């Protein structure tokens, strides 16, 4: 969903998305990709890291070196921001957790994904009155895409 929204509004958003890395049909890790085109590893099976989610070692330093400059630039530019995702792996980064409140406050539009059920630290973001949330499933994917598309269109018409 976030990749489709970003592609539809090319150049509007700053931020990042994550994608699975698969080898021979098996997921072996996760990559982080910024909307300015930088790529790096978020997590990998067998990675040496004290930060773990299941079989994956989370590469916090690499994540931060790719993502934090992108989000800092979004703050400086007061640009609409896209974050995929507010998740366990990303929340191992103290820098990421620290930049979220200023982004929340200053970004003219923040489009973020979060897993359900929410992880600690995400609930307070999602419970604010300004938040519109959508539960995305494989069955309603197109409907939610259309709703989010309309929300972003409304925002861009309003400046």
C-alpha atoms as a PDB file:
ATOM      1  CA  UNK A   1       0.000   0.000   0.000  1.00  0.00           C
ATOM      2  CA  UNK A   2       2.656   2.545   0.972  1.00  0.00           C
ATOM      3  CA  UNK A   3       4.710   1.822  -2.125  1.00  0.00           C
ATOM      4  CA  UNK A   4       1.653   2.338  -4.314  1.00  0.00           C
ATOM      5  CA  UNK A   5       0.729   5.599  -2.561  1.00  0.00           C
ATOM      6  CA  UNK A   6       4.305   6.864  -2.833  1.00  0.00           C
ATOM      7  CA  UNK A   7       4.475   5.957  -6.532  1.00  0.00           C
ATOM      8  CA  UNK A   8       1.146   7.662  -7.169  1.00  0.00           C
ATOM      9  CA  UNK A   9       2.402  10.907  -5.588  1.00  0.00           C
ATOM     10  CA  UNK A  10       5.994  10.806  -6.834  1.00  0.00           C
ATOM     11  CA  UNK A  11       8.177  13.331  -5.013  1.00  0.00           C
ATOM     12  CA  UNK A  12       5.550  14.344  -2.449  1.00  0.00           C
ATOM     13  CA  UNK A  13       6.698  12.195   0.463  1.00  0.00           C
ATOM     14  CA  UNK A  14       9.950  11.739   2.324  1.00  0.00           C
ATOM     15  CA  UNK A  15      10.432   8.606   4.376  1.00  0.00           C
ATOM     16  CA  UNK A  16      10.944   4.891   3.925  1.00  0.00           C
ATOM     17  CA  UNK A  17       9.370   1.521   3.425  1.00  0.00           C
ATOM     18  CA  UNK A  18      10.506  -2.007   4.182  1.00  0.00           C
ATOM     19  CA  UNK A  19      10.484  -4.997   1.893  1.00  0.00           C
ATOM     20  CA  UNK A  20      11.069  -8.691   2.334  1.00  0.00           C
ATOM     21  CA  UNK A  21      14.217 -10.304   1.009  1.00  0.00           C
ATOM     22  CA  UNK A  22      13.534 -13.784  -0.339  1.00  0.00           C
ATOM     23  CA  UNK A  23      15.857 -16.511  -1.540  1.00  0.00           C
ATOM     24  CA  UNK A  24      14.342 -19.535  -3.266  1.00  0.00           C
ATOM     25  CA  UNK A  25      10.908 -18.601  -1.941  1.00  0.00           C
ATOM     26  CA  UNK A  26      12.026 -18.309   1.689  1.00  0.00           C
ATOM     27  CA  UNK A  27      12.144 -14.996   3.560  1.00  0.00           C
ATOM     28  CA  UNK A  28      15.693 -14.392   4.765  1.00  0.00           C
ATOM     29  CA  UNK A  29      15.527 -10.764   5.801  1.00  0.00           C
ATOM     30  CA  UNK A  30      14.136  -7.286   5.423  1.00  0.00           C
ATOM     31  CA  UNK A  31      15.472  -4.328   3.486  1.00  0.00           C
ATOM     32  CA  UNK A  32      14.770  -0.669   4.182  1.00  0.00           C
ATOM     33  CA  UNK A  33      14.352   1.660   1.194  1.00  0.00           C
ATOM     34  CA  UNK A  34      14.138   5.434   1.478  1.00  0.00           C
ATOM     35  CA  UNK A  35      12.008   7.450  -0.881  1.00  0.00           C
ATOM     36  CA  UNK A  36      15.187   9.263  -1.936  1.00  0.00           C
ATOM     37  CA  UNK A  37      16.566   5.931  -3.177  1.00  0.00           C
ATOM     38  CA  UNK A  38      18.915   4.694  -0.457  1.00  0.00           C
ATOM     39  CA  UNK A  39      18.766   1.019   0.459  1.00  0.00           C
ATOM     40  CA  UNK A  40      20.083  -0.983   3.383  1.00  0.00           C
ATOM     41  CA  UNK A  41      19.444  -3.995   5.552  1.00  0.00           C
ATOM     42  CA  UNK A  42      16.988  -3.843   8.406  1.00  0.00           C
ATOM     43  CA  UNK A  43      17.232  -7.459   9.553  1.00  0.00           C
ATOM     44  CA  UNK A  44      18.499 -10.819   8.406  1.00  0.00           C
ATOM     45  CA  UNK A  45      18.366 -14.430   9.501  1.00  0.00           C
ATOM     46  CA  UNK A  46      21.606 -15.333  11.194  1.00  0.00           C
ATOM     47  CA  UNK A  47      22.737 -11.703  11.585  1.00  0.00           C
ATOM     48  CA  UNK A  48      24.849 -11.107  14.652  1.00  0.00           C
ATOM     49  CA  UNK A  49      22.870  -8.594  16.688  1.00  0.00           C
ATOM     50  CA  UNK A  50      21.688  -8.266  20.277  1.00  0.00           C
ATOM     51  CA  UNK A  51      18.373  -7.049  18.837  1.00  0.00           C
ATOM     52  CA  UNK A  52      16.206  -9.919  17.668  1.00  0.00           C
ATOM     53  CA  UNK A  53      12.721 -10.495  16.366  1.00  0.00           C
ATOM     54  CA  UNK A  54      12.199 -14.208  15.952  1.00  0.00           C
ATOM     55  CA  UNK A  55      14.940 -15.638  13.738  1.00  0.00           C
ATOM     56  CA  UNK A  56      16.043 -12.199  12.543  1.00  0.00           C
ATOM     57  CA  UNK A  57      18.911 -10.124  13.876  1.00  0.00           C
ATOM     58  CA  UNK A  58      18.009  -6.446  13.583  1.00  0.00           C
ATOM     59  CA  UNK A  59      20.783  -4.253  12.176  1.00  0.00           C
ATOM     60  CA  UNK A  60      20.006  -1.070  14.091  1.00  0.00           C
ATOM     61  CA  UNK A  61      23.111   0.876  13.024  1.00  0.00           C
ATOM     62  CA  UNK A  62      22.490   0.247   9.333  1.00  0.00           C
ATOM     63  CA  UNK A  63      18.810   1.104   9.695  1.00  0.00           C
ATOM     64  CA  UNK A  64      19.689   4.373  11.445  1.00  0.00           C
ATOM     65  CA  UNK A  65      22.353   5.338   8.910  1.00  0.00           C
ATOM     66  CA  UNK A  66      19.806   5.025   6.091  1.00  0.00           C
ATOM     67  CA  UNK A  67      16.563   6.167   7.700  1.00  0.00           C
ATOM     68  CA  UNK A  68      17.443   8.907  10.193  1.00  0.00           C
ATOM     69  CA  UNK A  69      18.970  11.309   7.618  1.00  0.00           C
ATOM     70  CA  UNK A  70      15.862  10.838   5.459  1.00  0.00           C
ATOM     71  CA  UNK A  71      13.525  11.658   8.356  1.00  0.00           C
ATOM     72  CA  UNK A  72      15.689  14.576   9.517  1.00  0.00           C
ATOM     73  CA  UNK A  73      15.478  16.002   5.984  1.00  0.00           C
ATOM     74  CA  UNK A  74      11.702  15.552   6.057  1.00  0.00           C
ATOM     75  CA  UNK A  75      11.616  17.617   9.252  1.00  0.00           C
ATOM     76  CA  UNK A  76      13.851  20.353   7.810  1.00  0.00           C
ATOM     77  CA  UNK A  77      11.779  20.534   4.626  1.00  0.00           C
ATOM     78  CA  UNK A  78       8.478  20.225   6.504  1.00  0.00           C
ATOM     79  CA  UNK A  79       7.599  17.590   3.920  1.00  0.00           C
ATOM     80  CA  UNK A  80       4.817  15.033   4.044  1.00  0.00           C
ATOM     81  CA  UNK A  81       6.269  11.853   5.484  1.00  0.00           C
ATOM     82  CA  UNK A  82       5.684   8.165   4.866  1.00  0.00           C
ATOM     83  CA  UNK A  83       6.853   5.576   7.401  1.00  0.00           C
ATOM     84  CA  UNK A  84       6.549   1.832   6.856  1.00  0.00           C
ATOM     85  CA  UNK A  85       6.505   0.819   9.601  1.00  0.00           C
ATOM     86  CA  UNK A  86       6.108   1.607  13.272  1.00  0.00           C
ATOM     87  CA  UNK A  87       7.202  -1.901  14.195  1.00  0.00           C
ATOM     88  CA  UNK A  88       9.262  -3.926  16.635  1.00  0.00           C
ATOM     89  CA  UNK A  89      12.370  -3.942  14.462  1.00  0.00           C
ATOM     90  CA  UNK A  90      12.287  -0.190  13.865  1.00  0.00           C
ATOM     91  CA  UNK A  91      11.577   0.543  17.531  1.00  0.00           C
ATOM     92  CA  UNK A  92      14.907  -0.984  18.569  1.00  0.00           C
ATOM     93  CA  UNK A  93      16.360   2.293  17.266  1.00  0.00           C
ATOM     94  CA  UNK A  94      16.404   4.964  19.946  1.00  0.00           C
ATOM     95  CA  UNK A  95      17.015   7.594  17.261  1.00  0.00           C
ATOM     96  CA  UNK A  96      13.905   6.478  15.395  1.00  0.00           C
ATOM     97  CA  UNK A  97      11.795   6.601  18.551  1.00  0.00           C
ATOM     98  CA  UNK A  98      13.122  10.105  19.314  1.00  0.00           C
ATOM     99  CA  UNK A  99      12.388  11.552  15.872  1.00  0.00           C
ATOM    100  CA  UNK A 100       8.771  10.358  15.802  1.00  0.00           C
ATOM    101  CA  UNK A 101       7.295  13.043  18.132  1.00  0.00           C
ATOM    102  CA  UNK A 102       8.768  15.965  16.139  1.00  0.00           C
ATOM    103  CA  UNK A 103       7.639  14.336  12.895  1.00  0.00           C
ATOM    104  CA  UNK A 104       4.202  13.823  14.353  1.00  0.00           C
ATOM    105  CA  UNK A 105       4.062  17.473  15.363  1.00  0.00           C
ATOM    106  CA  UNK A 106       5.645  19.136  12.317  1.00  0.00           C
ATOM    107  CA  UNK A 107       5.020  17.007   9.248  1.00  0.00           C
ATOM    108  CA  UNK A 108       2.081  18.440   7.310  1.00  0.00           C
ATOM    109  CA  UNK A 109       0.976  14.856   6.589  1.00  0.00           C
ATOM    110  CA  UNK A 110       2.257  11.652   8.135  1.00  0.00           C
ATOM    111  CA  UNK A 111       1.281   8.349   6.571  1.00  0.00           C
ATOM    112  CA  UNK A 112       2.485   5.453   8.706  1.00  0.00           C
ATOM    113  CA  UNK A 113       1.859   1.746   8.956  1.00  0.00           C
ATOM    114  CA  UNK A 114       1.741  -0.291  12.128  1.00  0.00           C
ATOM    115  CA  UNK A 115       1.053  -3.929  12.826  1.00  0.00           C
ATOM    116  CA  UNK A 116      -2.006  -5.003  14.718  1.00  0.00           C
ATOM    117  CA  UNK A 117      -2.049  -5.554  17.600  1.00  0.00           C
ATOM    118  CA  UNK A 118       0.048  -2.518  18.237  1.00  0.00           C
ATOM    119  CA  UNK A 119       3.370  -2.604  19.993  1.00  0.00           C
ATOM    120  CA  UNK A 120       4.061  -0.456  23.064  1.00  0.00           C
ATOM    121  CA  UNK A 121       4.967   3.071  22.011  1.00  0.00           C
ATOM    122  CA  UNK A 122       2.738   3.079  18.941  1.00  0.00           C
ATOM    123  CA  UNK A 123      -0.614   3.104  20.718  1.00  0.00           C
ATOM    124  CA  UNK A 124      -0.278   6.737  21.874  1.00  0.00           C
ATOM    125  CA  UNK A 125       0.378   7.880  18.302  1.00  0.00           C
ATOM    126  CA  UNK A 126      -2.619   6.030  16.939  1.00  0.00           C
ATOM    127  CA  UNK A 127      -4.991   7.161  19.686  1.00  0.00           C
ATOM    128  CA  UNK A 128      -4.684  10.881  18.927  1.00  0.00           C
ATOM    129  CA  UNK A 129      -7.814  12.544  17.599  1.00  0.00           C
ATOM    130  CA  UNK A 130      -6.154  13.734  14.353  1.00  0.00           C
ATOM    131  CA  UNK A 131      -5.416  10.152  13.290  1.00  0.00           C
ATOM    132  CA  UNK A 132      -7.371   8.342  10.610  1.00  0.00           C
ATOM    133  CA  UNK A 133      -6.663   4.647  10.760  1.00  0.00           C
ATOM    134  CA  UNK A 134      -7.460   1.811   8.390  1.00  0.00           C
ATOM    135  CA  UNK A 135      -7.255  -1.905   9.010  1.00  0.00           C
ATOM    136  CA  UNK A 136      -5.662  -3.379   5.893  1.00  0.00           C
ATOM    137  CA  UNK A 137      -6.398  -6.969   4.937  1.00  0.00           C
ATOM    138  CA  UNK A 138      -5.869  -8.922   1.741  1.00  0.00           C
ATOM    139  CA  UNK A 139      -9.625  -8.706   1.136  1.00  0.00           C
ATOM    140  CA  UNK A 140      -9.938  -4.913   1.454  1.00  0.00           C
ATOM    141  CA  UNK A 141      -6.586  -3.894  -0.052  1.00  0.00           C
ATOM    142  CA  UNK A 142      -8.093  -2.046  -3.050  1.00  0.00           C
ATOM    143  CA  UNK A 143     -10.763  -0.321  -0.978  1.00  0.00           C
ATOM    144  CA  UNK A 144      -8.223   0.934   1.576  1.00  0.00           C
ATOM    145  CA  UNK A 145      -5.888   2.045  -1.221  1.00  0.00           C
ATOM    146  CA  UNK A 146      -8.724   4.132  -2.695  1.00  0.00           C
ATOM    147  CA  UNK A 147      -9.548   5.642   0.713  1.00  0.00           C
ATOM    148  CA  UNK A 148      -5.935   6.568   1.472  1.00  0.00           C
ATOM    149  CA  UNK A 149      -5.506   7.903  -2.066  1.00  0.00           C
ATOM    150  CA  UNK A 150      -8.488  10.181  -1.508  1.00  0.00           C
ATOM    151  CA  UNK A 151      -7.124  11.353   1.873  1.00  0.00           C
ATOM    152  CA  UNK A 152      -3.807  12.319   0.260  1.00  0.00           C
ATOM    153  CA  UNK A 153      -5.590  13.985  -2.690  1.00  0.00           C
ATOM    154  CA  UNK A 154      -7.656  16.026  -0.225  1.00  0.00           C
ATOM    155  CA  UNK A 155      -4.475  17.054   1.573  1.00  0.00           C
ATOM    156  CA  UNK A 156      -2.677  18.082  -1.630  1.00  0.00           C
ATOM    157  CA  UNK A 157      -5.654  20.151  -2.841  1.00  0.00           C
ATOM    158  CA  UNK A 158      -5.620  21.986   0.468  1.00  0.00           C
ATOM    159  CA  UNK A 159      -1.934  22.864   0.129  1.00  0.00           C
END
